[in-house]
């Protein structure tokens, strides 16, 4: 029974901290664009060249 005197306030403090972290993330824009990064990874980047990279980059064709 004495453990409840410790566990109940700790759980209330933990719930408050989680609520503050969620509020901060919402206000700072963490959830504004949920689909953008998922679509951005699928986009082709045509501006890069098809030159080899690494140790074969210095060798002529």
PDB file of N, CA and C in Angstrom:
ATOM      1  N   UNK A   1       0.810  -1.191   0.000  1.00  0.00           N
ATOM      2  CA  UNK A   1       0.000   0.000   0.000  1.00  0.00           C
ATOM      3  C   UNK A   1       0.858   1.262   0.000  1.00  0.00           C
ATOM      4  N   UNK A   2       2.031   1.185   0.663  1.00  0.00           N
ATOM      5  CA  UNK A   2       2.899   2.359   0.709  1.00  0.00           C
ATOM      6  C   UNK A   2       3.490   2.661  -0.658  1.00  0.00           C
ATOM      7  N   UNK A   3       3.595   1.650  -1.495  1.00  0.00           N
ATOM      8  CA  UNK A   3       4.163   1.876  -2.827  1.00  0.00           C
ATOM      9  C   UNK A   3       3.238   2.731  -3.692  1.00  0.00           C
ATOM     10  N   UNK A   4       1.935   2.698  -3.407  1.00  0.00           N
ATOM     11  CA  UNK A   4       1.001   3.537  -4.159  1.00  0.00           C
ATOM     12  C   UNK A   4       1.236   5.016  -3.899  1.00  0.00           C
ATOM     13  N   UNK A   5       1.716   5.358  -2.710  1.00  0.00           N
ATOM     14  CA  UNK A   5       2.006   6.745  -2.388  1.00  0.00           C
ATOM     15  C   UNK A   5       3.153   7.267  -3.251  1.00  0.00           C
ATOM     16  N   UNK A   6       3.974   6.399  -3.745  1.00  0.00           N
ATOM     17  CA  UNK A   6       5.079   6.781  -4.631  1.00  0.00           C
ATOM     18  C   UNK A   6       4.691   6.636  -6.093  1.00  0.00           C
ATOM     19  N   UNK A   7       3.996   5.563  -6.428  1.00  0.00           N
ATOM     20  CA  UNK A   7       3.710   5.269  -7.832  1.00  0.00           C
ATOM     21  C   UNK A   7       2.665   6.204  -8.446  1.00  0.00           C
ATOM     22  N   UNK A   8       1.663   6.590  -7.695  1.00  0.00           N
ATOM     23  CA  UNK A   8       0.625   7.465  -8.245  1.00  0.00           C
ATOM     24  C   UNK A   8       1.183   8.855  -8.581  1.00  0.00           C
ATOM     25  N   UNK A   9       1.930   9.506  -7.689  1.00  0.00           N
ATOM     26  CA  UNK A   9       2.516  10.800  -8.088  1.00  0.00           C
ATOM     27  C   UNK A   9       3.524  10.663  -9.232  1.00  0.00           C
ATOM     28  N   UNK A  10       4.296   9.593  -9.245  1.00  0.00           N
ATOM     29  CA  UNK A  10       5.241   9.398 -10.346  1.00  0.00           C
ATOM     30  C   UNK A  10       4.520   9.221 -11.678  1.00  0.00           C
ATOM     31  N   UNK A  11       3.419   8.493 -11.676  1.00  0.00           N
ATOM     32  CA  UNK A  11       2.685   8.313 -12.925  1.00  0.00           C
ATOM     33  C   UNK A  11       2.042   9.621 -13.378  1.00  0.00           C
ATOM     34  N   UNK A  12       1.584  10.436 -12.455  1.00  0.00           N
ATOM     35  CA  UNK A  12       1.023  11.736 -12.817  1.00  0.00           C
ATOM     36  C   UNK A  12       2.096  12.664 -13.384  1.00  0.00           C
ATOM     37  N   UNK A  13       3.262  12.656 -12.782  1.00  0.00           N
ATOM     38  CA  UNK A  13       4.370  13.472 -13.299  1.00  0.00           C
ATOM     39  C   UNK A  13       4.783  12.985 -14.681  1.00  0.00           C
ATOM     40  N   UNK A  14       4.869  11.687 -14.878  1.00  0.00           N
ATOM     41  CA  UNK A  14       5.241  11.129 -16.178  1.00  0.00           C
ATOM     42  C   UNK A  14       4.202  11.482 -17.245  1.00  0.00           C
ATOM     43  N   UNK A  15       2.938  11.391 -16.914  1.00  0.00           N
ATOM     44  CA  UNK A  15       1.884  11.758 -17.863  1.00  0.00           C
ATOM     45  C   UNK A  15       1.962  13.242 -18.203  1.00  0.00           C
ATOM     46  N   UNK A  16       2.259  14.094 -17.237  1.00  0.00           N
ATOM     47  CA  UNK A  16       2.409  15.516 -17.488  1.00  0.00           C
ATOM     48  C   UNK A  16       3.603  15.791 -18.392  1.00  0.00           C
ATOM     49  N   UNK A  17       4.716  15.118 -18.161  1.00  0.00           N
ATOM     50  CA  UNK A  17       5.912  15.305 -18.991  1.00  0.00           C
ATOM     51  C   UNK A  17       5.638  14.857 -20.427  1.00  0.00           C
ATOM     52  N   UNK A  18       4.976  13.742 -20.590  1.00  0.00           N
ATOM     53  CA  UNK A  18       4.631  13.261 -21.937  1.00  0.00           C
ATOM     54  C   UNK A  18       3.701  14.260 -22.625  1.00  0.00           C
ATOM     55  N   UNK A  19       2.750  14.807 -21.904  1.00  0.00           N
ATOM     56  CA  UNK A  19       1.851  15.811 -22.469  1.00  0.00           C
ATOM     57  C   UNK A  19       2.591  17.066 -22.896  1.00  0.00           C
ATOM     58  N   UNK A  20       3.549  17.519 -22.092  1.00  0.00           N
ATOM     59  CA  UNK A  20       4.333  18.708 -22.436  1.00  0.00           C
ATOM     60  C   UNK A  20       5.185  18.450 -23.668  1.00  0.00           C
ATOM     61  N   UNK A  21       5.793  17.276 -23.765  1.00  0.00           N
ATOM     62  CA  UNK A  21       6.610  16.937 -24.933  1.00  0.00           C
ATOM     63  C   UNK A  21       5.744  16.866 -26.186  1.00  0.00           C
ATOM     64  N   UNK A  22       4.565  16.293 -26.084  1.00  0.00           N
ATOM     65  CA  UNK A  22       3.661  16.237 -27.229  1.00  0.00           C
ATOM     66  C   UNK A  22       3.191  17.622 -27.632  1.00  0.00           C
ATOM     67  N   UNK A  23       2.868  18.463 -26.664  1.00  0.00           N
ATOM     68  CA  UNK A  23       2.455  19.831 -26.950  1.00  0.00           C
ATOM     69  C   UNK A  23       3.571  20.597 -27.638  1.00  0.00           C
ATOM     70  N   UNK A  24       4.808  20.449 -27.151  1.00  0.00           N
ATOM     71  CA  UNK A  24       5.948  21.125 -27.759  1.00  0.00           C
ATOM     72  C   UNK A  24       6.157  20.657 -29.199  1.00  0.00           C
ATOM     73  N   UNK A  25       6.058  19.344 -29.445  1.00  0.00           N
ATOM     74  CA  UNK A  25       6.251  18.819 -30.797  1.00  0.00           C
ATOM     75  C   UNK A  25       5.162  19.311 -31.736  1.00  0.00           C
ATOM     76  N   UNK A  26       3.949  19.430 -31.258  1.00  0.00           N
ATOM     77  CA  UNK A  26       2.852  19.923 -32.087  1.00  0.00           C
ATOM     78  C   UNK A  26       3.031  21.403 -32.407  1.00  0.00           C
ATOM     79  N   UNK A  27       3.408  22.196 -31.423  1.00  0.00           N
ATOM     80  CA  UNK A  27       3.584  23.632 -31.628  1.00  0.00           C
ATOM     81  C   UNK A  27       4.802  23.953 -32.489  1.00  0.00           C
ATOM     82  N   UNK A  28       5.836  23.100 -32.481  1.00  0.00           N
ATOM     83  CA  UNK A  28       7.045  23.393 -33.258  1.00  0.00           C
ATOM     84  C   UNK A  28       6.951  22.884 -34.685  1.00  0.00           C
ATOM     85  N   UNK A  29       5.843  22.251 -35.064  1.00  0.00           N
ATOM     86  CA  UNK A  29       5.638  21.855 -36.444  1.00  0.00           C
ATOM     87  C   UNK A  29       6.157  20.478 -36.804  1.00  0.00           C
ATOM     88  N   UNK A  30       6.320  19.615 -35.842  1.00  0.00           N
ATOM     89  CA  UNK A  30       6.836  18.281 -36.118  1.00  0.00           C
ATOM     90  C   UNK A  30       5.860  17.435 -36.923  1.00  0.00           C
ATOM     91  N   UNK A  31       4.576  17.732 -36.854  1.00  0.00           N
ATOM     92  CA  UNK A  31       3.562  16.922 -37.520  1.00  0.00           C
ATOM     93  C   UNK A  31       2.919  17.647 -38.695  1.00  0.00           C
ATOM     94  N   UNK A  32       3.549  18.704 -39.200  1.00  0.00           N
ATOM     95  CA  UNK A  32       2.953  19.484 -40.287  1.00  0.00           C
ATOM     96  C   UNK A  32       2.916  18.714 -41.604  1.00  0.00           C
ATOM     97  N   UNK A  33       4.020  18.100 -41.990  1.00  0.00           N
ATOM     98  CA  UNK A  33       4.099  17.416 -43.279  1.00  0.00           C
ATOM     99  C   UNK A  33       4.478  15.960 -43.044  1.00  0.00           C
ATOM    100  N   UNK A  34       3.484  15.108 -42.932  1.00  0.00           N
ATOM    101  CA  UNK A  34       3.756  13.701 -42.653  1.00  0.00           C
ATOM    102  C   UNK A  34       4.043  12.903 -43.920  1.00  0.00           C
ATOM    103  N   UNK A  35       3.575  13.351 -45.080  1.00  0.00           N
ATOM    104  CA  UNK A  35       3.751  12.586 -46.309  1.00  0.00           C
ATOM    105  C   UNK A  35       4.896  13.091 -47.171  1.00  0.00           C
ATOM    106  N   UNK A  36       5.384  14.292 -46.931  1.00  0.00           N
ATOM    107  CA  UNK A  36       6.436  14.873 -47.756  1.00  0.00           C
ATOM    108  C   UNK A  36       7.711  14.048 -47.801  1.00  0.00           C
ATOM    109  N   UNK A  37       8.289  13.666 -46.661  1.00  0.00           N
ATOM    110  CA  UNK A  37       9.511  12.868 -46.708  1.00  0.00           C
ATOM    111  C   UNK A  37       9.317  11.503 -47.376  1.00  0.00           C
ATOM    112  N   UNK A  38       8.147  10.920 -47.239  1.00  0.00           N
ATOM    113  CA  UNK A  38       7.892   9.623 -47.869  1.00  0.00           C
ATOM    114  C   UNK A  38       7.841   9.759 -49.385  1.00  0.00           C
ATOM    115  N   UNK A  39       7.303  10.852 -49.887  1.00  0.00           N
ATOM    116  CA  UNK A  39       7.248  11.069 -51.334  1.00  0.00           C
ATOM    117  C   UNK A  39       8.597  11.547 -51.872  1.00  0.00           C
ATOM    118  N   UNK A  40       9.332  12.305 -51.081  1.00  0.00           N
ATOM    119  CA  UNK A  40      10.603  12.861 -51.520  1.00  0.00           C
ATOM    120  C   UNK A  40      11.635  11.763 -51.794  1.00  0.00           C
ATOM    121  N   UNK A  41      11.582  10.667 -51.062  1.00  0.00           N
ATOM    122  CA  UNK A  41      12.549   9.598 -51.265  1.00  0.00           C
ATOM    123  C   UNK A  41      12.303   8.871 -52.585  1.00  0.00           C
ATOM    124  N   UNK A  42      11.084   8.958 -53.103  1.00  0.00           N
ATOM    125  CA  UNK A  42      10.749   8.291 -54.353  1.00  0.00           C
ATOM    126  C   UNK A  42      11.031   9.151 -55.582  1.00  0.00           C
ATOM    127  N   UNK A  43      11.268  10.443 -55.382  1.00  0.00           N
ATOM    128  CA  UNK A  43      11.519  11.345 -56.507  1.00  0.00           C
ATOM    129  C   UNK A  43      12.899  11.075 -57.090  1.00  0.00           C
ATOM    130  N   UNK A  44      12.997  11.080 -58.432  1.00  0.00           N
ATOM    131  CA  UNK A  44      14.285  10.933 -59.091  1.00  0.00           C
ATOM    132  C   UNK A  44      14.998  12.273 -59.117  1.00  0.00           C
ATOM    133  N   UNK A  45      16.291  12.216 -58.864  1.00  0.00           N
ATOM    134  CA  UNK A  45      17.095  13.423 -58.918  1.00  0.00           C
ATOM    135  C   UNK A  45      17.890  13.381 -60.209  1.00  0.00           C
ATOM    136  N   UNK A  46      17.402  14.057 -61.248  1.00  0.00           N
ATOM    137  CA  UNK A  46      18.037  14.022 -62.561  1.00  0.00           C
ATOM    138  C   UNK A  46      19.238  14.947 -62.655  1.00  0.00           C
ATOM    139  N   UNK A  47      19.467  15.772 -61.656  1.00  0.00           N
ATOM    140  CA  UNK A  47      20.558  16.734 -61.736  1.00  0.00           C
ATOM    141  C   UNK A  47      21.919  16.099 -61.475  1.00  0.00           C
ATOM    142  N   UNK A  48      21.983  14.916 -60.909  1.00  0.00           N
ATOM    143  CA  UNK A  48      23.275  14.276 -60.650  1.00  0.00           C
ATOM    144  C   UNK A  48      23.729  13.530 -61.891  1.00  0.00           C
ATOM    145  N   UNK A  49      25.028  13.475 -62.074  1.00  0.00           N
ATOM    146  CA  UNK A  49      25.568  12.761 -63.228  1.00  0.00           C
ATOM    147  C   UNK A  49      25.694  11.280 -62.915  1.00  0.00           C
ATOM    148  N   UNK A  50      25.849  10.493 -63.956  1.00  0.00           N
ATOM    149  CA  UNK A  50      25.961   9.051 -63.791  1.00  0.00           C
ATOM    150  C   UNK A  50      27.421   8.624 -63.734  1.00  0.00           C
ATOM    151  N   UNK A  51      28.314   9.502 -63.324  1.00  0.00           N
ATOM    152  CA  UNK A  51      29.737   9.181 -63.248  1.00  0.00           C
ATOM    153  C   UNK A  51      29.975   8.186 -62.122  1.00  0.00           C
ATOM    154  N   UNK A  52      30.921   7.257 -62.330  1.00  0.00           N
ATOM    155  CA  UNK A  52      31.209   6.287 -61.270  1.00  0.00           C
ATOM    156  C   UNK A  52      31.859   6.965 -60.068  1.00  0.00           C
ATOM    157  N   UNK A  53      31.612   6.412 -58.920  1.00  0.00           N
ATOM    158  CA  UNK A  53      32.198   6.938 -57.691  1.00  0.00           C
ATOM    159  C   UNK A  53      33.070   5.866 -57.070  1.00  0.00           C
ATOM    160  N   UNK A  54      33.971   6.293 -56.235  1.00  0.00           N
ATOM    161  CA  UNK A  54      34.812   5.337 -55.527  1.00  0.00           C
ATOM    162  C   UNK A  54      36.153   5.177 -56.186  1.00  0.00           C
ATOM    163  N   UNK A  55      36.746   3.982 -56.095  1.00  0.00           N
ATOM    164  CA  UNK A  55      38.097   3.776 -56.593  1.00  0.00           C
ATOM    165  C   UNK A  55      38.159   3.732 -58.106  1.00  0.00           C
ATOM    166  N   UNK A  56      37.050   3.458 -58.807  1.00  0.00           N
ATOM    167  CA  UNK A  56      37.036   3.422 -60.267  1.00  0.00           C
ATOM    168  C   UNK A  56      36.762   4.792 -60.884  1.00  0.00           C
ATOM    169  N   UNK A  57      36.606   5.825 -60.087  1.00  0.00           N
ATOM    170  CA  UNK A  57      36.251   7.134 -60.607  1.00  0.00           C
ATOM    171  C   UNK A  57      37.399   7.772 -61.388  1.00  0.00           C
ATOM    172  N   UNK A  58      38.658   7.433 -61.064  1.00  0.00           N
ATOM    173  CA  UNK A  58      39.798   8.042 -61.734  1.00  0.00           C
ATOM    174  C   UNK A  58      40.165   7.353 -63.033  1.00  0.00           C
ATOM    175  N   UNK A  59      39.702   6.154 -63.257  1.00  0.00           N
ATOM    176  CA  UNK A  59      40.053   5.399 -64.457  1.00  0.00           C
ATOM    177  C   UNK A  59      39.237   5.871 -65.660  1.00  0.00           C
ATOM    178  N   UNK A  60      39.885   6.097 -66.795  1.00  0.00           N
ATOM    179  CA  UNK A  60      39.127   6.466 -67.999  1.00  0.00           C
ATOM    180  C   UNK A  60      38.418   5.247 -68.564  1.00  0.00           C
ATOM    181  N   UNK A  61      37.369   5.492 -69.350  1.00  0.00           N
ATOM    182  CA  UNK A  61      36.605   4.390 -69.938  1.00  0.00           C
ATOM    183  C   UNK A  61      37.340   3.724 -71.011  1.00  0.00           C
TER     184      UNK A  61
END
